[in-house]
Amino acid sequence: MKDAVNQASEDAQRASERIREVGPDVLRSASRFAYTGSYMLSYGIVYATVFVAKSLPQDNPVVEGFVDGGRAAIDAVNEAKGYRSDSFQSAPA
């Protein structure tokens, strides 16, 4: 019985050491997966949006809406960061 308790204690200690060794690798893999997945998703969304926007005729209310929405988003980000709106000039239409 004493041998079984000692063996279980040694096994638990080895398992604990192995977890400490493998832990950073698992965390690194999960982090890399999250980064790569997010990058691929955002790239796909942006690329598809730009492709659709570029395929539309330029004198079109939809394209003008994209341009105005983009400018509004930039202004909102600048305002959230505390930048003055008069210090940035938007590109001419």
Foldseek 3Di string as FASTA:
>chain_A
DVVVVVVVVVVVVVVVVVCVVCVVVVVVVVVVVVVVVVVVVVVVVVVVVVVVLVVDDCPDPVNVVVVVVVVVVVQVVCVVVPHDPVVDDDDDD
